[in-house]
Amino acid sequence: MWKLAILVWLVMGTTFAGIGVMVVLATPSLSGQDMNLIPLAAGIGALVAVPCAWLVARQIFAATVR
């Protein structure tokens, strides 16, 4: 199941990191600090995706094993 969770995280981590970066870029009040906030937002997005990927992988595993 770990392999499945890693594969799901590859997709979800990229997606969540991209969402975080887009939020920073789309918010005008954050434009002055974008060079500091973009890596932070991408890192937080990738970390938030870890438990989400685990939950999705567990659901996929449970649906396909039986």
C-alpha atoms as a PDB file:
ATOM      1  CA  MET A   1       0.000   0.000   0.000  1.00  0.00           C
ATOM      2  CA  TRP A   2       2.976   2.311   0.508  1.00  0.00           C
ATOM      3  CA  LYS A   3       3.755   2.204  -3.193  1.00  0.00           C
ATOM      4  CA  LEU A   4       0.204   3.167  -4.024  1.00  0.00           C
ATOM      5  CA  ALA A   5       0.292   6.005  -1.479  1.00  0.00           C
ATOM      6  CA  ILE A   6       3.510   7.345  -3.001  1.00  0.00           C
ATOM      7  CA  LEU A   7       2.018   7.289  -6.488  1.00  0.00           C
ATOM      8  CA  VAL A   8      -1.094   9.093  -5.287  1.00  0.00           C
ATOM      9  CA  TRP A   9       1.081  11.608  -3.415  1.00  0.00           C
ATOM     10  CA  LEU A  10       3.032  12.378  -6.578  1.00  0.00           C
ATOM     11  CA  VAL A  11      -0.151  13.582  -8.202  1.00  0.00           C
ATOM     12  CA  MET A  12      -1.749  15.194  -5.147  1.00  0.00           C
ATOM     13  CA  GLY A  13       1.455  16.843  -3.915  1.00  0.00           C
ATOM     14  CA  THR A  14       1.986  18.551  -7.244  1.00  0.00           C
ATOM     15  CA  THR A  15      -1.631  19.634  -7.370  1.00  0.00           C
ATOM     16  CA  PHE A  16      -1.732  21.013  -3.826  1.00  0.00           C
ATOM     17  CA  ALA A  17       1.622  22.767  -4.273  1.00  0.00           C
ATOM     18  CA  GLY A  18       0.352  24.342  -7.476  1.00  0.00           C
ATOM     19  CA  ILE A  19      -2.810  25.506  -5.763  1.00  0.00           C
ATOM     20  CA  GLY A  20      -0.746  27.127  -3.021  1.00  0.00           C
ATOM     21  CA  VAL A  21       1.479  28.894  -5.535  1.00  0.00           C
ATOM     22  CA  MET A  22      -1.527  30.116  -7.494  1.00  0.00           C
ATOM     23  CA  VAL A  23      -3.095  31.524  -4.321  1.00  0.00           C
ATOM     24  CA  VAL A  24       0.085  33.483  -3.616  1.00  0.00           C
ATOM     25  CA  LEU A  25       0.290  34.754  -7.188  1.00  0.00           C
ATOM     26  CA  ALA A  26      -3.394  35.645  -7.417  1.00  0.00           C
ATOM     27  CA  THR A  27      -3.522  37.622  -4.169  1.00  0.00           C
ATOM     28  CA  PRO A  28      -2.452  41.208  -4.853  1.00  0.00           C
ATOM     29  CA  SER A  29      -1.545  41.946  -1.236  1.00  0.00           C
ATOM     30  CA  LEU A  30       1.062  39.161  -1.302  1.00  0.00           C
ATOM     31  CA  SER A  31       2.851  40.404  -4.423  1.00  0.00           C
ATOM     32  CA  GLY A  32       5.600  42.108  -2.435  1.00  0.00           C
ATOM     33  CA  GLN A  33       6.574  38.908  -0.661  1.00  0.00           C
ATOM     34  CA  ASP A  34       6.093  36.441  -3.487  1.00  0.00           C
ATOM     35  CA  MET A  35       9.720  35.302  -3.610  1.00  0.00           C
ATOM     36  CA  ASN A  36       9.492  34.158   0.011  1.00  0.00           C
ATOM     37  CA  LEU A  37       5.925  32.871  -0.034  1.00  0.00           C
ATOM     38  CA  ILE A  38       6.001  30.761  -3.204  1.00  0.00           C
ATOM     39  CA  PRO A  39       8.413  28.111  -1.826  1.00  0.00           C
ATOM     40  CA  LEU A  40       6.575  28.169   1.491  1.00  0.00           C
ATOM     41  CA  ALA A  41       3.189  27.667  -0.172  1.00  0.00           C
ATOM     42  CA  ALA A  42       4.542  24.862  -2.361  1.00  0.00           C
ATOM     43  CA  GLY A  43       6.089  23.100   0.623  1.00  0.00           C
ATOM     44  CA  ILE A  44       2.949  23.372   2.711  1.00  0.00           C
ATOM     45  CA  GLY A  45       0.882  22.066  -0.196  1.00  0.00           C
ATOM     46  CA  ALA A  46       3.162  19.059  -0.587  1.00  0.00           C
ATOM     47  CA  LEU A  47       3.011  18.321   3.147  1.00  0.00           C
ATOM     48  CA  VAL A  48      -0.775  18.641   3.304  1.00  0.00           C
ATOM     49  CA  ALA A  49      -1.013  16.140   0.458  1.00  0.00           C
ATOM     50  CA  VAL A  50       0.701  13.388   2.471  1.00  0.00           C
ATOM     51  CA  PRO A  51      -2.240  12.472   4.749  1.00  0.00           C
ATOM     52  CA  CYS A  52      -4.697  13.052   1.906  1.00  0.00           C
ATOM     53  CA  ALA A  53      -2.745  10.658  -0.319  1.00  0.00           C
ATOM     54  CA  TRP A  54      -2.655   8.084   2.465  1.00  0.00           C
ATOM     55  CA  LEU A  55      -6.432   8.255   2.858  1.00  0.00           C
ATOM     56  CA  VAL A  56      -7.046   7.993  -0.880  1.00  0.00           C
ATOM     57  CA  ALA A  57      -4.598   5.082  -1.212  1.00  0.00           C
ATOM     58  CA  ARG A  58      -6.281   3.279   1.668  1.00  0.00           C
ATOM     59  CA  GLN A  59      -9.668   3.680  -0.038  1.00  0.00           C
ATOM     60  CA  ILE A  60      -8.304   2.460  -3.378  1.00  0.00           C
ATOM     61  CA  PHE A  61      -6.582  -0.484  -1.706  1.00  0.00           C
ATOM     62  CA  ALA A  62      -9.735  -1.464   0.175  1.00  0.00           C
ATOM     63  CA  ALA A  63     -11.831  -1.270  -2.984  1.00  0.00           C
ATOM     64  CA  THR A  64      -9.496  -3.365  -5.121  1.00  0.00           C
ATOM     65  CA  VAL A  65      -8.314  -6.090  -2.716  1.00  0.00           C
ATOM     66  CA  ARG A  66     -11.701  -7.661  -2.148  1.00  0.00           C
END
